[in-house]
Amino acid sequence: MSRRAMMILVGLTALNAVALTINVSLPLRAAVGGKTYKDLVTDPDFTSAVHSVVQKCRVNVDIAKVIC
């Protein structure tokens, strides 16, 4: 492998490490049906619907996938 290609790979790896360390992404809390996150969490109908969907799903931890 050429020296230039190696330097590019090292640079990209460094940028990736910096991006993972900084992690500038913010958690999102979407509103559904005009309700806020807090409204949805305290809504018994919504929480029971979420529980019923989650109970019917399988989680494969090895590949980080939820199968419903």
PDB file of N, CA and C in Angstrom:
ATOM      1  N   MET A   1       0.852  -1.167   0.000  1.00  0.00           N
ATOM      2  CA  MET A   1       0.000   0.000   0.000  1.00  0.00           C
ATOM      3  C   MET A   1       0.901   1.234   0.000  1.00  0.00           C
ATOM      4  N   SER A   2       0.532   2.216  -0.778  1.00  0.00           N
ATOM      5  CA  SER A   2       1.360   3.411  -0.882  1.00  0.00           C
ATOM      6  C   SER A   2       1.289   4.241   0.407  1.00  0.00           C
ATOM      7  N   ARG A   3       2.293   5.054   0.563  1.00  0.00           N
ATOM      8  CA  ARG A   3       2.376   5.893   1.769  1.00  0.00           C
ATOM      9  C   ARG A   3       1.208   6.882   1.829  1.00  0.00           C
ATOM     10  N   ARG A   4       0.819   7.408   0.669  1.00  0.00           N
ATOM     11  CA  ARG A   4      -0.282   8.379   0.630  1.00  0.00           C
ATOM     12  C   ARG A   4      -1.604   7.728   1.034  1.00  0.00           C
ATOM     13  N   ALA A   5      -1.859   6.530   0.531  1.00  0.00           N
ATOM     14  CA  ALA A   5      -3.090   5.821   0.885  1.00  0.00           C
ATOM     15  C   ALA A   5      -3.121   5.516   2.376  1.00  0.00           C
ATOM     16  N   MET A   6      -1.972   5.151   2.930  1.00  0.00           N
ATOM     17  CA  MET A   6      -1.896   4.859   4.358  1.00  0.00           C
ATOM     18  C   MET A   6      -2.179   6.110   5.186  1.00  0.00           C
ATOM     19  N   MET A   7      -1.665   7.244   4.756  1.00  0.00           N
ATOM     20  CA  MET A   7      -1.908   8.504   5.468  1.00  0.00           C
ATOM     21  C   MET A   7      -3.384   8.895   5.405  1.00  0.00           C
ATOM     22  N   ILE A   8      -4.023   8.653   4.262  1.00  0.00           N
ATOM     23  CA  ILE A   8      -5.455   8.948   4.136  1.00  0.00           C
ATOM     24  C   ILE A   8      -6.256   8.067   5.084  1.00  0.00           C
ATOM     25  N   LEU A   9      -5.921   6.779   5.144  1.00  0.00           N
ATOM     26  CA  LEU A   9      -6.624   5.871   6.043  1.00  0.00           C
ATOM     27  C   LEU A   9      -6.437   6.254   7.508  1.00  0.00           C
ATOM     28  N   VAL A  10      -5.234   6.637   7.873  1.00  0.00           N
ATOM     29  CA  VAL A  10      -4.962   7.062   9.251  1.00  0.00           C
ATOM     30  C   VAL A  10      -5.748   8.333   9.567  1.00  0.00           C
ATOM     31  N   GLY A  11      -5.796   9.266   8.626  1.00  0.00           N
ATOM     32  CA  GLY A  11      -6.547  10.503   8.824  1.00  0.00           C
ATOM     33  C   GLY A  11      -8.032  10.255   8.986  1.00  0.00           C
ATOM     34  N   LEU A  12      -8.581   9.380   8.148  1.00  0.00           N
ATOM     35  CA  LEU A  12     -10.004   9.064   8.260  1.00  0.00           C
ATOM     36  C   LEU A  12     -10.320   8.354   9.569  1.00  0.00           C
ATOM     37  N   THR A  13      -9.432   7.488  10.000  1.00  0.00           N
ATOM     38  CA  THR A  13      -9.626   6.802  11.278  1.00  0.00           C
ATOM     39  C   THR A  13      -9.599   7.804  12.427  1.00  0.00           C
ATOM     40  N   ALA A  14      -8.706   8.765  12.368  1.00  0.00           N
ATOM     41  CA  ALA A  14      -8.634   9.794  13.408  1.00  0.00           C
ATOM     42  C   ALA A  14      -9.904  10.636  13.431  1.00  0.00           C
ATOM     43  N   LEU A  15     -10.399  11.011  12.255  1.00  0.00           N
ATOM     44  CA  LEU A  15     -11.649  11.781  12.196  1.00  0.00           C
ATOM     45  C   LEU A  15     -12.817  10.978  12.758  1.00  0.00           C
ATOM     46  N   ASN A  16     -12.870   9.704  12.458  1.00  0.00           N
ATOM     47  CA  ASN A  16     -13.924   8.849  12.979  1.00  0.00           C
ATOM     48  C   ASN A  16     -13.858   8.768  14.502  1.00  0.00           C
ATOM     49  N   ALA A  17     -12.658   8.625  15.038  1.00  0.00           N
ATOM     50  CA  ALA A  17     -12.489   8.559  16.493  1.00  0.00           C
ATOM     51  C   ALA A  17     -12.936   9.861  17.153  1.00  0.00           C
ATOM     52  N   VAL A  18     -12.603  10.981  16.549  1.00  0.00           N
ATOM     53  CA  VAL A  18     -13.018  12.276  17.094  1.00  0.00           C
ATOM     54  C   VAL A  18     -14.538  12.406  17.054  1.00  0.00           C
ATOM     55  N   ALA A  19     -15.151  12.001  15.950  1.00  0.00           N
ATOM     56  CA  ALA A  19     -16.612  12.098  15.824  1.00  0.00           C
ATOM     57  C   ALA A  19     -17.302  11.219  16.862  1.00  0.00           C
ATOM     58  N   LEU A  20     -16.783  10.037  17.105  1.00  0.00           N
ATOM     59  CA  LEU A  20     -17.377   9.155  18.105  1.00  0.00           C
ATOM     60  C   LEU A  20     -17.181   9.692  19.525  1.00  0.00           C
ATOM     61  N   THR A  21     -16.064  10.335  19.768  1.00  0.00           N
ATOM     62  CA  THR A  21     -15.779  10.883  21.088  1.00  0.00           C
ATOM     63  C   THR A  21     -16.660  12.087  21.394  1.00  0.00           C
ATOM     64  N   ILE A  22     -16.807  12.975  20.430  1.00  0.00           N
ATOM     65  CA  ILE A  22     -17.592  14.194  20.638  1.00  0.00           C
ATOM     66  C   ILE A  22     -19.074  13.876  20.733  1.00  0.00           C
ATOM     67  N   ASN A  23     -19.577  13.034  19.836  1.00  0.00           N
ATOM     68  CA  ASN A  23     -20.978  12.633  19.802  1.00  0.00           C
ATOM     69  C   ASN A  23     -21.908  13.831  19.989  1.00  0.00           C
ATOM     70  N   VAL A  24     -22.016  14.642  18.975  1.00  0.00           N
ATOM     71  CA  VAL A  24     -22.807  15.866  19.045  1.00  0.00           C
ATOM     72  C   VAL A  24     -24.296  15.636  18.811  1.00  0.00           C
ATOM     73  N   SER A  25     -24.688  14.409  18.559  1.00  0.00           N
ATOM     74  CA  SER A  25     -26.103  14.158  18.301  1.00  0.00           C
ATOM     75  C   SER A  25     -26.918  14.287  19.582  1.00  0.00           C
ATOM     76  N   LEU A  26     -28.085  14.837  19.455  1.00  0.00           N
ATOM     77  CA  LEU A  26     -28.981  15.032  20.585  1.00  0.00           C
ATOM     78  C   LEU A  26     -30.102  13.999  20.532  1.00  0.00           C
ATOM     79  N   PRO A  27     -30.547  13.511  21.678  1.00  0.00           N
ATOM     80  CA  PRO A  27     -31.666  12.567  21.656  1.00  0.00           C
ATOM     81  C   PRO A  27     -32.944  13.267  21.194  1.00  0.00           C
ATOM     82  N   LEU A  28     -33.692  12.586  20.350  1.00  0.00           N
ATOM     83  CA  LEU A  28     -34.929  13.155  19.834  1.00  0.00           C
ATOM     84  C   LEU A  28     -36.111  12.552  20.564  1.00  0.00           C
ATOM     85  N   ARG A  29     -37.108  13.355  20.777  1.00  0.00           N
ATOM     86  CA  ARG A  29     -38.341  12.893  21.384  1.00  0.00           C
ATOM     87  C   ARG A  29     -39.477  13.414  20.517  1.00  0.00           C
ATOM     88  N   ALA A  30     -39.939  12.561  19.630  1.00  0.00           N
ATOM     89  CA  ALA A  30     -40.938  12.969  18.647  1.00  0.00           C
ATOM     90  C   ALA A  30     -42.304  13.134  19.291  1.00  0.00           C
ATOM     91  N   ALA A  31     -43.057  14.049  18.763  1.00  0.00           N
ATOM     92  CA  ALA A  31     -44.432  14.237  19.200  1.00  0.00           C
ATOM     93  C   ALA A  31     -45.349  13.425  18.293  1.00  0.00           C
ATOM     94  N   VAL A  32     -46.330  12.758  18.877  1.00  0.00           N
ATOM     95  CA  VAL A  32     -47.272  11.938  18.122  1.00  0.00           C
ATOM     96  C   VAL A  32     -48.674  12.458  18.392  1.00  0.00           C
ATOM     97  N   GLY A  33     -49.389  12.737  17.347  1.00  0.00           N
ATOM     98  CA  GLY A  33     -50.768  13.196  17.506  1.00  0.00           C
ATOM     99  C   GLY A  33     -50.882  14.503  18.268  1.00  0.00           C
ATOM    100  N   GLY A  34     -49.868  15.360  18.159  1.00  0.00           N
ATOM    101  CA  GLY A  34     -49.912  16.651  18.834  1.00  0.00           C
ATOM    102  C   GLY A  34     -49.557  16.580  20.305  1.00  0.00           C
ATOM    103  N   LYS A  35     -49.207  15.390  20.804  1.00  0.00           N
ATOM    104  CA  LYS A  35     -48.834  15.250  22.211  1.00  0.00           C
ATOM    105  C   LYS A  35     -47.321  15.340  22.349  1.00  0.00           C
ATOM    106  N   THR A  36     -46.875  15.854  23.458  1.00  0.00           N
ATOM    107  CA  THR A  36     -45.446  15.940  23.729  1.00  0.00           C
ATOM    108  C   THR A  36     -44.955  14.604  24.287  1.00  0.00           C
ATOM    109  N   TYR A  37     -43.667  14.492  24.447  1.00  0.00           N
ATOM    110  CA  TYR A  37     -43.068  13.278  25.020  1.00  0.00           C
ATOM    111  C   TYR A  37     -43.653  12.993  26.403  1.00  0.00           C
ATOM    112  N   LYS A  38     -43.744  14.036  27.216  1.00  0.00           N
ATOM    113  CA  LYS A  38     -44.265  13.866  28.579  1.00  0.00           C
ATOM    114  C   LYS A  38     -45.722  13.406  28.558  1.00  0.00           C
ATOM    115  N   ASP A  39     -46.518  13.967  27.636  1.00  0.00           N
ATOM    116  CA  ASP A  39     -47.917  13.545  27.503  1.00  0.00           C
ATOM    117  C   ASP A  39     -48.016  12.069  27.128  1.00  0.00           C
ATOM    118  N   LEU A  40     -47.169  11.629  26.195  1.00  0.00           N
ATOM    119  CA  LEU A  40     -47.206  10.240  25.750  1.00  0.00           C
ATOM    120  C   LEU A  40     -46.781   9.283  26.859  1.00  0.00           C
ATOM    121  N   VAL A  41     -45.780   9.652  27.621  1.00  0.00           N
ATOM    122  CA  VAL A  41     -45.309   8.783  28.697  1.00  0.00           C
ATOM    123  C   VAL A  41     -46.381   8.603  29.765  1.00  0.00           C
ATOM    124  N   THR A  42     -47.157   9.626  30.020  1.00  0.00           N
ATOM    125  CA  THR A  42     -48.175   9.548  31.069  1.00  0.00           C
ATOM    126  C   THR A  42     -49.531   9.077  30.543  1.00  0.00           C
ATOM    127  N   ASP A  43     -49.671   8.879  29.232  1.00  0.00           N
ATOM    128  CA  ASP A  43     -50.931   8.417  28.649  1.00  0.00           C
ATOM    129  C   ASP A  43     -51.041   6.897  28.802  1.00  0.00           C
ATOM    130  N   PRO A  44     -52.009   6.403  29.590  1.00  0.00           N
ATOM    131  CA  PRO A  44     -52.107   4.960  29.819  1.00  0.00           C
ATOM    132  C   PRO A  44     -52.423   4.163  28.554  1.00  0.00           C
ATOM    133  N   ASP A  45     -53.209   4.711  27.639  1.00  0.00           N
ATOM    134  CA  ASP A  45     -53.526   4.002  26.398  1.00  0.00           C
ATOM    135  C   ASP A  45     -52.274   3.818  25.537  1.00  0.00           C
ATOM    136  N   PHE A  46     -51.478   4.872  25.430  1.00  0.00           N
ATOM    137  CA  PHE A  46     -50.256   4.797  24.634  1.00  0.00           C
ATOM    138  C   PHE A  46     -49.268   3.820  25.248  1.00  0.00           C
ATOM    139  N   THR A  47     -49.066   3.898  26.553  1.00  0.00           N
ATOM    140  CA  THR A  47     -48.101   3.002  27.197  1.00  0.00           C
ATOM    141  C   THR A  47     -48.551   1.547  27.119  1.00  0.00           C
ATOM    142  N   SER A  48     -49.842   1.272  27.236  1.00  0.00           N
ATOM    143  CA  SER A  48     -50.295  -0.121  27.119  1.00  0.00           C
ATOM    144  C   SER A  48     -50.135  -0.628  25.686  1.00  0.00           C
ATOM    145  N   ALA A  49     -50.337   0.248  24.693  1.00  0.00           N
ATOM    146  CA  ALA A  49     -50.127  -0.146  23.299  1.00  0.00           C
ATOM    147  C   ALA A  49     -48.659  -0.469  23.045  1.00  0.00           C
ATOM    148  N   VAL A  50     -47.776   0.335  23.594  1.00  0.00           N
ATOM    149  CA  VAL A  50     -46.344   0.085  23.428  1.00  0.00           C
ATOM    150  C   VAL A  50     -45.959  -1.232  24.102  1.00  0.00           C
ATOM    151  N   HIS A  51     -46.480  -1.472  25.287  1.00  0.00           N
ATOM    152  CA  HIS A  51     -46.182  -2.727  25.992  1.00  0.00           C
ATOM    153  C   HIS A  51     -46.657  -3.937  25.190  1.00  0.00           C
ATOM    154  N   SER A  52     -47.841  -3.868  24.599  1.00  0.00           N
ATOM    155  CA  SER A  52     -48.350  -5.015  23.845  1.00  0.00           C
ATOM    156  C   SER A  52     -47.521  -5.280  22.589  1.00  0.00           C
ATOM    157  N   VAL A  53     -47.034  -4.216  21.937  1.00  0.00           N
ATOM    158  CA  VAL A  53     -46.195  -4.394  20.751  1.00  0.00           C
ATOM    159  C   VAL A  53     -44.845  -4.983  21.146  1.00  0.00           C
ATOM    160  N   VAL A  54     -44.273  -4.481  22.211  1.00  0.00           N
ATOM    161  CA  VAL A  54     -42.958  -4.941  22.641  1.00  0.00           C
ATOM    162  C   VAL A  54     -43.013  -6.401  23.082  1.00  0.00           C
ATOM    163  N   GLN A  55     -44.088  -6.830  23.704  1.00  0.00           N
ATOM    164  CA  GLN A  55     -44.205  -8.212  24.157  1.00  0.00           C
ATOM    165  C   GLN A  55     -44.245  -9.192  22.991  1.00  0.00           C
ATOM    166  N   LYS A  56     -44.684  -8.736  21.826  1.00  0.00           N
ATOM    167  CA  LYS A  56     -44.779  -9.601  20.651  1.00  0.00           C
ATOM    168  C   LYS A  56     -43.483  -9.620  19.845  1.00  0.00           C
ATOM    169  N   CYS A  57     -42.476  -8.894  20.273  1.00  0.00           N
ATOM    170  CA  CYS A  57     -41.216  -8.798  19.530  1.00  0.00           C
ATOM    171  C   CYS A  57     -40.145  -9.684  20.153  1.00  0.00           C
ATOM    172  N   ARG A  58     -39.174 -10.041  19.313  1.00  0.00           N
ATOM    173  CA  ARG A  58     -37.985 -10.756  19.771  1.00  0.00           C
ATOM    174  C   ARG A  58     -36.792  -9.834  19.564  1.00  0.00           C
ATOM    175  N   VAL A  59     -35.855  -9.892  20.479  1.00  0.00           N
ATOM    176  CA  VAL A  59     -34.663  -9.065  20.377  1.00  0.00           C
ATOM    177  C   VAL A  59     -33.464  -9.982  20.193  1.00  0.00           C
ATOM    178  N   ASN A  60     -32.720  -9.749  19.114  1.00  0.00           N
ATOM    179  CA  ASN A  60     -31.484 -10.474  18.865  1.00  0.00           C
ATOM    180  C   ASN A  60     -30.340  -9.556  19.285  1.00  0.00           C
ATOM    181  N   VAL A  61     -29.782  -9.819  20.460  1.00  0.00           N
ATOM    182  CA  VAL A  61     -28.755  -8.953  21.017  1.00  0.00           C
ATOM    183  C   VAL A  61     -27.459  -9.035  20.218  1.00  0.00           C
ATOM    184  N   ASP A  62     -27.190 -10.192  19.625  1.00  0.00           N
ATOM    185  CA  ASP A  62     -25.936 -10.361  18.894  1.00  0.00           C
ATOM    186  C   ASP A  62     -25.815  -9.407  17.707  1.00  0.00           C
ATOM    187  N   ILE A  63     -26.928  -9.147  17.034  1.00  0.00           N
ATOM    188  CA  ILE A  63     -26.886  -8.247  15.872  1.00  0.00           C
ATOM    189  C   ILE A  63     -27.656  -6.952  16.123  1.00  0.00           C
ATOM    190  N   ALA A  64     -28.088  -6.731  17.383  1.00  0.00           N
ATOM    191  CA  ALA A  64     -28.806  -5.519  17.770  1.00  0.00           C
ATOM    192  C   ALA A  64     -29.998  -5.258  16.874  1.00  0.00           C
ATOM    193  N   LYS A  65     -30.915  -6.246  16.808  1.00  0.00           N
ATOM    194  CA  LYS A  65     -32.067  -6.133  15.939  1.00  0.00           C
ATOM    195  C   LYS A  65     -33.324  -6.562  16.680  1.00  0.00           C
ATOM    196  N   VAL A  66     -34.403  -5.834  16.479  1.00  0.00           N
ATOM    197  CA  VAL A  66     -35.695  -6.164  17.049  1.00  0.00           C
ATOM    198  C   VAL A  66     -36.562  -6.720  15.920  1.00  0.00           C
ATOM    199  N   ILE A  67     -37.107  -7.909  16.132  1.00  0.00           N
ATOM    200  CA  ILE A  67     -37.939  -8.563  15.112  1.00  0.00           C
ATOM    201  C   ILE A  67     -39.346  -8.707  15.673  1.00  0.00           C
ATOM    202  N   CYS A  68     -40.300  -8.113  14.985  1.00  0.00           N
ATOM    203  CA  CYS A  68     -41.700  -8.178  15.430  1.00  0.00           C
ATOM    204  C   CYS A  68     -42.524  -9.021  14.488  1.00  0.00           C
TER     205      CYS A  68
END
